[in-house]
Amino acid sequence: MRKISGLFAVLTIGFIAASCGGGGDATGAGGGGGGGGGGGGGGGGVCPANTFCATSSNKWSPSSLTVAVGTTVAWKNDLSIDHNVTWDNAAGSTAAEAGDGTGSIPSFGSGTHTRKFNTAGTYGFTCTIHPGMTGTLTVQ
C-alpha cells in the first residue's frame, strides 16, 4: 500500500509541475506569455501605437482602433504569412490616403504598410486571404 501511495504522490507532483508555466498562446496574450520582441504578432510583444499587427491566429491586434484625424496608421506583419487589407467599402478606400501607398494594401508577408487618414469616419477592413481577419478603424 505504501508503494502505491508513494507512486500516486510522485504522479500528482509531476502533473502539477507540468501544468504550471507560461500557459500563453502564440500571441503572448495568455498568462505569462513569452518575453519576446516588440512585434505584437508572436513573441508576446506589444503592437506599436496606431498599428494593427497580424497575429498567428489570423487576427488583427487590436481588432479596432480609434485615432485622431490626420493620423498615420500602420499594418504590421512579422509572420511570413501573406495578409492584405481590403476596405469594406469605397469610403474606407478613399479615406486611406498617402502613406507608403493609398487605398487597400496588397498581399504582404512581412513588413509594415501605412495609410494617413484625414477624413473622420468608421472604416471596416478585411484580409481577403483570411476572411475572418477583420478590423475597424475609427477616425475622429
C-alpha atoms as a PDB file:
ATOM      1  CA  MET A   1       0.000   0.000   0.000  1.00  0.00           C
ATOM      2  CA  ARG A   2       2.888   2.296   0.827  1.00  0.00           C
ATOM      3  CA  LYS A   3       4.363   1.883  -2.679  1.00  0.00           C
ATOM      4  CA  ILE A   4       1.040   2.818  -4.291  1.00  0.00           C
ATOM      5  CA  SER A   5       0.729   5.943  -2.113  1.00  0.00           C
ATOM      6  CA  GLY A   6       4.299   6.975  -2.989  1.00  0.00           C
ATOM      7  CA  LEU A   7       3.677   6.405  -6.702  1.00  0.00           C
ATOM      8  CA  PHE A   8       0.445   8.401  -6.520  1.00  0.00           C
ATOM      9  CA  ALA A   9       2.258  11.286  -4.794  1.00  0.00           C
ATOM     10  CA  VAL A  10       5.028  11.326  -7.434  1.00  0.00           C
ATOM     11  CA  LEU A  11       2.477  11.307 -10.271  1.00  0.00           C
ATOM     12  CA  THR A  12       0.465  14.079  -8.628  1.00  0.00           C
ATOM     13  CA  ILE A  13       3.549  16.277  -8.196  1.00  0.00           C
ATOM     14  CA  GLY A  14       4.593  15.564 -11.796  1.00  0.00           C
ATOM     15  CA  PHE A  15       1.158  16.533 -13.086  1.00  0.00           C
ATOM     16  CA  ILE A  16       1.128  19.771 -11.086  1.00  0.00           C
ATOM     17  CA  ALA A  17       4.624  20.681 -12.275  1.00  0.00           C
ATOM     18  CA  ALA A  18       3.693  20.009 -15.915  1.00  0.00           C
ATOM     19  CA  SER A  19       0.558  22.121 -15.705  1.00  0.00           C
ATOM     20  CA  CYS A  20       2.386  25.143 -14.295  1.00  0.00           C
ATOM     21  CA  GLY A  21       4.183  27.579 -16.510  1.00  0.00           C
ATOM     22  CA  GLY A  22       3.529  30.294 -19.056  1.00  0.00           C
ATOM     23  CA  GLY A  23       0.286  28.978 -20.419  1.00  0.00           C
ATOM     24  CA  GLY A  24       0.080  31.751 -23.010  1.00  0.00           C
ATOM     25  CA  ASP A  25      -0.931  31.164 -26.601  1.00  0.00           C
ATOM     26  CA  ALA A  26       1.282  32.017 -29.575  1.00  0.00           C
ATOM     27  CA  THR A  27       0.232  35.672 -29.482  1.00  0.00           C
ATOM     28  CA  GLY A  28       1.592  36.098 -25.956  1.00  0.00           C
ATOM     29  CA  ALA A  29      -1.850  37.197 -24.775  1.00  0.00           C
ATOM     30  CA  GLY A  30      -2.249  34.438 -22.175  1.00  0.00           C
ATOM     31  CA  GLY A  31      -0.871  34.372 -18.676  1.00  0.00           C
ATOM     32  CA  GLY A  32       2.894  34.591 -18.594  1.00  0.00           C
ATOM     33  CA  GLY A  33       3.193  34.544 -22.386  1.00  0.00           C
ATOM     34  CA  GLY A  34       6.600  34.837 -23.967  1.00  0.00           C
ATOM     35  CA  GLY A  35       9.117  37.578 -23.345  1.00  0.00           C
ATOM     36  CA  GLY A  36       9.985  38.163 -26.955  1.00  0.00           C
ATOM     37  CA  GLY A  37      10.243  41.118 -29.191  1.00  0.00           C
ATOM     38  CA  GLY A  38       8.100  44.101 -29.887  1.00  0.00           C
ATOM     39  CA  GLY A  39       6.324  42.703 -32.921  1.00  0.00           C
ATOM     40  CA  GLY A  40       2.946  42.185 -31.323  1.00  0.00           C
ATOM     41  CA  GLY A  41       2.474  39.264 -33.660  1.00  0.00           C
ATOM     42  CA  GLY A  42       4.062  36.314 -31.978  1.00  0.00           C
ATOM     43  CA  GLY A  43       6.511  36.834 -29.149  1.00  0.00           C
ATOM     44  CA  GLY A  44       4.362  38.434 -26.514  1.00  0.00           C
ATOM     45  CA  GLY A  45       5.492  41.914 -27.532  1.00  0.00           C
ATOM     46  CA  VAL A  46       3.327  44.974 -27.742  1.00  0.00           C
ATOM     47  CA  CYS A  47       1.941  46.255 -31.014  1.00  0.00           C
ATOM     48  CA  PRO A  48       3.153  49.859 -31.567  1.00  0.00           C
ATOM     49  CA  ALA A  49       0.725  52.765 -31.180  1.00  0.00           C
ATOM     50  CA  ASN A  50      -1.667  53.347 -34.102  1.00  0.00           C
ATOM     51  CA  THR A  51      -0.777  49.951 -35.583  1.00  0.00           C
ATOM     52  CA  PHE A  52      -2.756  46.830 -36.420  1.00  0.00           C
ATOM     53  CA  CYS A  53      -0.480  43.784 -36.014  1.00  0.00           C
ATOM     54  CA  ALA A  54      -1.116  40.424 -37.665  1.00  0.00           C
ATOM     55  CA  THR A  55      -1.260  37.585 -35.140  1.00  0.00           C
ATOM     56  CA  SER A  56      -0.526  33.907 -35.588  1.00  0.00           C
ATOM     57  CA  SER A  57      -4.236  33.172 -35.139  1.00  0.00           C
ATOM     58  CA  ASN A  58      -5.063  35.202 -38.283  1.00  0.00           C
ATOM     59  CA  LYS A  59      -6.461  38.168 -36.395  1.00  0.00           C
ATOM     60  CA  TRP A  60      -5.578  41.846 -36.339  1.00  0.00           C
ATOM     61  CA  SER A  61      -4.483  43.075 -32.934  1.00  0.00           C
ATOM     62  CA  PRO A  62      -6.090  45.273 -31.894  1.00  0.00           C
ATOM     63  CA  SER A  63      -9.248  44.450 -33.833  1.00  0.00           C
ATOM     64  CA  SER A  64     -10.447  48.044 -33.540  1.00  0.00           C
ATOM     65  CA  LEU A  65      -8.576  51.297 -33.180  1.00  0.00           C
ATOM     66  CA  THR A  66      -9.625  54.930 -32.734  1.00  0.00           C
ATOM     67  CA  VAL A  67      -7.324  57.718 -33.928  1.00  0.00           C
ATOM     68  CA  ALA A  68      -7.476  61.472 -34.487  1.00  0.00           C
ATOM     69  CA  VAL A  69      -7.956  62.975 -37.955  1.00  0.00           C
ATOM     70  CA  GLY A  70      -4.545  63.341 -39.598  1.00  0.00           C
ATOM     71  CA  THR A  71      -3.063  60.197 -38.036  1.00  0.00           C
ATOM     72  CA  THR A  72      -0.920  57.760 -39.991  1.00  0.00           C
ATOM     73  CA  VAL A  73      -1.998  54.189 -39.221  1.00  0.00           C
ATOM     74  CA  ALA A  74       0.159  51.106 -39.841  1.00  0.00           C
ATOM     75  CA  TRP A  75      -0.491  47.429 -40.549  1.00  0.00           C
ATOM     76  CA  LYS A  76       2.394  45.235 -39.401  1.00  0.00           C
ATOM     77  CA  ASN A  77       3.109  41.633 -40.351  1.00  0.00           C
ATOM     78  CA  ASP A  78       6.137  39.789 -38.922  1.00  0.00           C
ATOM     79  CA  LEU A  79       4.772  36.294 -39.540  1.00  0.00           C
ATOM     80  CA  SER A  80       5.973  35.442 -43.073  1.00  0.00           C
ATOM     81  CA  ILE A  81       2.323  34.605 -43.856  1.00  0.00           C
ATOM     82  CA  ASP A  82       0.665  36.679 -46.563  1.00  0.00           C
ATOM     83  CA  HIS A  83      -2.043  39.117 -45.455  1.00  0.00           C
ATOM     84  CA  ASN A  84      -3.731  42.061 -47.147  1.00  0.00           C
ATOM     85  CA  VAL A  85      -6.034  44.925 -46.182  1.00  0.00           C
ATOM     86  CA  THR A  86      -9.155  45.398 -48.292  1.00  0.00           C
ATOM     87  CA  TRP A  87     -11.637  48.097 -47.301  1.00  0.00           C
ATOM     88  CA  ASP A  88     -15.251  47.054 -46.798  1.00  0.00           C
ATOM     89  CA  ASN A  89     -16.471  49.964 -48.931  1.00  0.00           C
ATOM     90  CA  ALA A  90     -15.344  52.837 -51.149  1.00  0.00           C
ATOM     91  CA  ALA A  91     -15.355  55.305 -48.221  1.00  0.00           C
ATOM     92  CA  GLY A  92     -12.558  53.393 -46.492  1.00  0.00           C
ATOM     93  CA  SER A  93     -10.548  53.094 -49.673  1.00  0.00           C
ATOM     94  CA  THR A  94     -10.907  56.829 -50.361  1.00  0.00           C
ATOM     95  CA  ALA A  95     -10.040  57.790 -46.765  1.00  0.00           C
ATOM     96  CA  ALA A  96      -6.834  55.685 -46.821  1.00  0.00           C
ATOM     97  CA  GLU A  97      -4.589  58.414 -48.184  1.00  0.00           C
ATOM     98  CA  ALA A  98      -0.887  58.518 -48.909  1.00  0.00           C
ATOM     99  CA  GLY A  99       1.358  56.597 -46.587  1.00  0.00           C
ATOM    100  CA  ASP A 100       3.513  54.121 -48.444  1.00  0.00           C
ATOM    101  CA  GLY A 101       0.520  53.852 -50.811  1.00  0.00           C
ATOM    102  CA  THR A 102      -3.190  54.677 -50.932  1.00  0.00           C
ATOM    103  CA  GLY A 103      -6.400  52.648 -50.634  1.00  0.00           C
ATOM    104  CA  SER A 104      -6.170  48.916 -49.980  1.00  0.00           C
ATOM    105  CA  ILE A 105      -2.896  47.218 -49.073  1.00  0.00           C
ATOM    106  CA  PRO A 106      -1.921  44.351 -51.381  1.00  0.00           C
ATOM    107  CA  SER A 107      -0.692  40.998 -50.111  1.00  0.00           C
ATOM    108  CA  PHE A 108       2.447  41.232 -47.952  1.00  0.00           C
ATOM    109  CA  GLY A 109       4.246  38.517 -45.992  1.00  0.00           C
ATOM    110  CA  SER A 110       6.362  40.804 -43.820  1.00  0.00           C
ATOM    111  CA  GLY A 111       6.953  44.433 -43.003  1.00  0.00           C
ATOM    112  CA  THR A 112       4.732  47.404 -42.287  1.00  0.00           C
ATOM    113  CA  HIS A 113       2.433  49.429 -44.545  1.00  0.00           C
ATOM    114  CA  THR A 114       0.939  52.816 -43.688  1.00  0.00           C
ATOM    115  CA  ARG A 115      -2.019  54.992 -44.664  1.00  0.00           C
ATOM    116  CA  LYS A 116      -2.852  58.514 -43.472  1.00  0.00           C
ATOM    117  CA  PHE A 117      -6.448  59.345 -42.551  1.00  0.00           C
ATOM    118  CA  ASN A 118      -7.642  62.946 -42.924  1.00  0.00           C
ATOM    119  CA  THR A 119     -11.381  62.184 -43.060  1.00  0.00           C
ATOM    120  CA  ALA A 120     -13.435  61.335 -39.971  1.00  0.00           C
ATOM    121  CA  GLY A 121     -15.459  58.138 -40.118  1.00  0.00           C
ATOM    122  CA  THR A 122     -15.536  54.458 -39.233  1.00  0.00           C
ATOM    123  CA  TYR A 123     -13.887  52.163 -41.741  1.00  0.00           C
ATOM    124  CA  GLY A 124     -14.035  48.366 -41.735  1.00  0.00           C
ATOM    125  CA  PHE A 125     -11.455  46.182 -43.447  1.00  0.00           C
ATOM    126  CA  THR A 126     -10.754  42.505 -44.110  1.00  0.00           C
ATOM    127  CA  CYS A 127      -7.826  40.336 -45.083  1.00  0.00           C
ATOM    128  CA  THR A 128      -9.407  38.602 -48.080  1.00  0.00           C
ATOM    129  CA  ILE A 129      -6.836  35.806 -47.763  1.00  0.00           C
ATOM    130  CA  HIS A 130      -8.214  35.072 -44.268  1.00  0.00           C
ATOM    131  CA  PRO A 131     -11.868  36.302 -44.355  1.00  0.00           C
ATOM    132  CA  GLY A 132     -12.302  36.134 -40.570  1.00  0.00           C
ATOM    133  CA  MET A 133      -9.381  38.541 -40.166  1.00  0.00           C
ATOM    134  CA  THR A 134     -11.295  41.805 -39.866  1.00  0.00           C
ATOM    135  CA  GLY A 135     -10.773  45.150 -38.226  1.00  0.00           C
ATOM    136  CA  THR A 136     -12.351  48.554 -37.695  1.00  0.00           C
ATOM    137  CA  LEU A 137     -10.645  51.921 -37.767  1.00  0.00           C
ATOM    138  CA  THR A 138     -12.476  54.933 -36.320  1.00  0.00           C
ATOM    139  CA  VAL A 139     -11.093  58.335 -37.242  1.00  0.00           C
ATOM    140  CA  GLN A 140     -12.443  61.288 -35.231  1.00  0.00           C
END
